[in-house]
């Protein structure tokens, strides 16, 4: 009988642990959803729709690379490495 009581006690402890982890996970999910909303809002304020972000990032990376190349071209050849 004592074994059954111990098993029930362990099961209750595991259930409480699972409930606690679920509560933490729900809170984390809520935080992440708020962050996502904020990022989407900021992107739209910058004139970019969320689905266009990968293309916009690629465009900006290319623009930066071109700017760097242009800056290097202004340096005398002796200073380029």
C-alpha atoms as a PDB file:
ATOM      1  CA  UNK A   1       0.000   0.000   0.000  1.00  0.00           C
ATOM      2  CA  UNK A   2       2.852   2.343   0.828  1.00  0.00           C
ATOM      3  CA  UNK A   3       4.312   1.820  -2.670  1.00  0.00           C
ATOM      4  CA  UNK A   4       1.055   2.968  -4.240  1.00  0.00           C
ATOM      5  CA  UNK A   5       0.974   6.072  -2.051  1.00  0.00           C
ATOM      6  CA  UNK A   6       4.564   6.853  -3.024  1.00  0.00           C
ATOM      7  CA  UNK A   7       3.773   6.417  -6.723  1.00  0.00           C
ATOM      8  CA  UNK A   8       0.746   8.707  -6.379  1.00  0.00           C
ATOM      9  CA  UNK A   9       2.885  11.267  -4.574  1.00  0.00           C
ATOM     10  CA  UNK A  10       5.498  11.146  -7.347  1.00  0.00           C
ATOM     11  CA  UNK A  11       2.811  11.438 -10.003  1.00  0.00           C
ATOM     12  CA  UNK A  12       1.339  14.495  -8.260  1.00  0.00           C
ATOM     13  CA  UNK A  13       4.795  16.082  -8.061  1.00  0.00           C
ATOM     14  CA  UNK A  14       5.403  15.475 -11.760  1.00  0.00           C
ATOM     15  CA  UNK A  15       1.982  16.887 -12.574  1.00  0.00           C
ATOM     16  CA  UNK A  16       2.721  20.046 -10.579  1.00  0.00           C
ATOM     17  CA  UNK A  17       6.083  20.358 -12.307  1.00  0.00           C
ATOM     18  CA  UNK A  18       4.405  20.004 -15.702  1.00  0.00           C
ATOM     19  CA  UNK A  19       1.817  22.649 -14.762  1.00  0.00           C
ATOM     20  CA  UNK A  20       4.585  24.997 -13.686  1.00  0.00           C
ATOM     21  CA  UNK A  21       6.504  24.469 -16.925  1.00  0.00           C
ATOM     22  CA  UNK A  22       3.323  25.015 -18.925  1.00  0.00           C
ATOM     23  CA  UNK A  23       2.715  28.324 -17.156  1.00  0.00           C
ATOM     24  CA  UNK A  24       6.279  29.447 -17.905  1.00  0.00           C
ATOM     25  CA  UNK A  25       5.950  28.369 -21.532  1.00  0.00           C
ATOM     26  CA  UNK A  26       2.662  30.256 -21.934  1.00  0.00           C
ATOM     27  CA  UNK A  27       4.217  33.411 -20.487  1.00  0.00           C
ATOM     28  CA  UNK A  28       7.220  33.069 -22.812  1.00  0.00           C
ATOM     29  CA  UNK A  29       4.938  32.556 -25.802  1.00  0.00           C
ATOM     30  CA  UNK A  30       2.992  35.673 -24.871  1.00  0.00           C
ATOM     31  CA  UNK A  31       6.236  37.681 -24.650  1.00  0.00           C
ATOM     32  CA  UNK A  32       7.407  36.394 -28.019  1.00  0.00           C
ATOM     33  CA  UNK A  33       4.065  37.209 -29.631  1.00  0.00           C
ATOM     34  CA  UNK A  34       4.313  40.778 -28.281  1.00  0.00           C
ATOM     35  CA  UNK A  35       7.847  41.064 -29.647  1.00  0.00           C
ATOM     36  CA  UNK A  36       6.660  39.804 -33.016  1.00  0.00           C
ATOM     37  CA  UNK A  37       3.869  42.396 -33.093  1.00  0.00           C
ATOM     38  CA  UNK A  38       6.361  45.155 -32.230  1.00  0.00           C
ATOM     39  CA  UNK A  39       8.785  44.048 -34.956  1.00  0.00           C
ATOM     40  CA  UNK A  40       5.993  43.929 -37.523  1.00  0.00           C
ATOM     41  CA  UNK A  41       4.827  47.390 -36.441  1.00  0.00           C
ATOM     42  CA  UNK A  42       8.371  48.794 -36.717  1.00  0.00           C
ATOM     43  CA  UNK A  43       8.877  47.211 -40.150  1.00  0.00           C
ATOM     44  CA  UNK A  44       5.630  48.712 -41.412  1.00  0.00           C
ATOM     45  CA  UNK A  45       6.614  52.107 -40.007  1.00  0.00           C
ATOM     46  CA  UNK A  46       9.756  51.802 -42.128  1.00  0.00           C
ATOM     47  CA  UNK A  47       7.599  51.005 -45.147  1.00  0.00           C
ATOM     48  CA  UNK A  48       8.368  47.292 -45.336  1.00  0.00           C
ATOM     49  CA  UNK A  49       5.789  44.541 -45.069  1.00  0.00           C
ATOM     50  CA  UNK A  50       6.898  41.518 -43.030  1.00  0.00           C
ATOM     51  CA  UNK A  51       6.738  39.180 -46.008  1.00  0.00           C
ATOM     52  CA  UNK A  52       9.078  41.539 -47.904  1.00  0.00           C
ATOM     53  CA  UNK A  53      11.779  41.545 -45.193  1.00  0.00           C
ATOM     54  CA  UNK A  54      14.027  38.853 -46.754  1.00  0.00           C
ATOM     55  CA  UNK A  55      14.145  40.750 -50.051  1.00  0.00           C
ATOM     56  CA  UNK A  56      14.682  44.067 -48.294  1.00  0.00           C
ATOM     57  CA  UNK A  57      17.545  42.620 -46.246  1.00  0.00           C
ATOM     58  CA  UNK A  58      19.141  41.264 -49.411  1.00  0.00           C
ATOM     59  CA  UNK A  59      18.772  44.645 -51.134  1.00  0.00           C
ATOM     60  CA  UNK A  60      20.338  46.476 -48.191  1.00  0.00           C
ATOM     61  CA  UNK A  61      23.230  44.000 -47.980  1.00  0.00           C
ATOM     62  CA  UNK A  62      23.924  44.548 -51.681  1.00  0.00           C
ATOM     63  CA  UNK A  63      23.737  48.316 -51.210  1.00  0.00           C
ATOM     64  CA  UNK A  64      26.223  48.144 -48.329  1.00  0.00           C
ATOM     65  CA  UNK A  65      28.589  45.942 -50.323  1.00  0.00           C
ATOM     66  CA  UNK A  66      28.464  48.368 -53.241  1.00  0.00           C
ATOM     67  CA  UNK A  67      29.168  51.260 -50.874  1.00  0.00           C
ATOM     68  CA  UNK A  68      32.181  49.458 -49.451  1.00  0.00           C
ATOM     69  CA  UNK A  69      33.518  48.719 -52.934  1.00  0.00           C
ATOM     70  CA  UNK A  70      33.037  52.354 -53.910  1.00  0.00           C
ATOM     71  CA  UNK A  71      34.891  53.505 -50.786  1.00  0.00           C
ATOM     72  CA  UNK A  72      37.800  51.153 -51.583  1.00  0.00           C
ATOM     73  CA  UNK A  73      37.947  52.553 -55.107  1.00  0.00           C
ATOM     74  CA  UNK A  74      38.638  56.025 -53.696  1.00  0.00           C
ATOM     75  CA  UNK A  75      41.752  54.812 -51.908  1.00  0.00           C
ATOM     76  CA  UNK A  76      45.030  55.035 -53.770  1.00  0.00           C
ATOM     77  CA  UNK A  77      46.214  51.630 -54.980  1.00  0.00           C
ATOM     78  CA  UNK A  78      49.216  51.773 -52.651  1.00  0.00           C
ATOM     79  CA  UNK A  79      46.918  51.802 -49.606  1.00  0.00           C
ATOM     80  CA  UNK A  80      44.639  48.972 -50.717  1.00  0.00           C
ATOM     81  CA  UNK A  81      45.359  45.582 -49.189  1.00  0.00           C
END
